[in-house]
Amino acid sequence: MKAVDPYSREQREFELTIDEMNAWNLIEEDNEYLATYVYTSLDDGAELLSIKHPAKANE
């Protein structure tokens, strides 16, 4: 999956790895989501920790 950090000045895309099949099944193409992730370098990609639809972000 491609992701963009909206708070970054560069607004560049990076690879986001999703290990759980259940998460893949819930993600729809061309939608925006709020996600938390962990990385050592965005050049090497990041691992997804959690993801939510923006309308459900406060749940």
Protein backbone atom coordinates (compact mmCIF):
# COMPACT_ATOMS: atom_id res chain seq x y z
CA MET A 1 0.00 0.00 0.00
CA LYS A 2 1.18 3.54 -0.66
CA ALA A 3 0.86 6.12 2.11
CA VAL A 4 1.56 9.84 2.60
CA ASP A 5 2.23 11.58 5.91
CA PRO A 6 -0.04 14.66 5.75
CA TYR A 7 2.12 16.48 8.32
CA SER A 8 5.34 16.09 6.34
CA ARG A 9 6.59 19.10 4.40
CA GLU A 10 7.60 16.88 1.48
CA GLN A 11 4.26 15.02 1.14
CA ARG A 12 6.00 12.09 -0.56
CA GLU A 13 4.59 8.59 -0.87
CA PHE A 14 6.12 5.61 0.92
CA GLU A 15 5.38 1.89 1.09
CA LEU A 16 3.26 0.67 3.98
CA THR A 17 3.43 -3.06 4.79
CA ILE A 18 0.24 -4.75 6.01
CA ASP A 19 0.72 -8.19 7.55
CA GLU A 20 -2.85 -8.94 8.62
CA MET A 21 -5.21 -10.27 5.96
CA ASN A 22 -8.22 -8.89 7.89
CA ALA A 23 -6.86 -5.36 7.49
CA TRP A 24 -6.37 -5.88 3.74
CA ASN A 25 -10.01 -6.95 3.39
CA LEU A 26 -11.27 -3.72 5.00
CA ILE A 27 -9.20 -1.29 2.94
CA GLU A 28 -10.82 0.14 -0.18
CA GLU A 29 -8.83 1.55 -3.07
CA ASP A 30 -8.81 5.36 -3.51
CA ASN A 31 -10.11 6.03 0.03
CA GLU A 32 -8.30 7.95 2.74
CA TYR A 33 -7.63 6.46 6.17
CA LEU A 34 -5.98 7.48 9.43
CA ALA A 35 -3.14 5.11 10.21
CA THR A 36 -0.39 4.64 12.74
CA TYR A 37 2.80 2.98 11.63
CA VAL A 38 6.37 2.33 12.70
CA TYR A 39 9.50 2.80 10.60
CA THR A 40 13.24 3.20 10.79
CA SER A 41 13.40 4.97 7.42
CA LEU A 42 10.50 5.85 5.13
CA ASP A 43 12.82 5.02 2.22
CA ASP A 44 12.64 1.39 3.42
CA GLY A 45 8.87 1.51 4.02
CA ALA A 46 6.82 1.28 7.19
CA GLU A 47 4.77 -1.35 9.02
CA LEU A 48 1.09 -0.66 9.70
CA LEU A 49 0.08 -0.70 13.39
CA SER A 50 -3.55 0.46 13.14
CA ILE A 51 -5.91 1.94 10.57
CA LYS A 52 -9.32 3.65 10.79
CA HIS A 53 -11.71 5.38 8.47
CA PRO A 54 -11.64 9.14 9.27
CA ALA A 55 -15.34 9.16 10.20
CA LYS A 56 -14.62 6.57 12.91
CA ALA A 57 -11.32 8.02 14.15
CA ASN A 58 -12.72 9.01 17.55
CA GLU A 59 -14.05 5.53 18.35
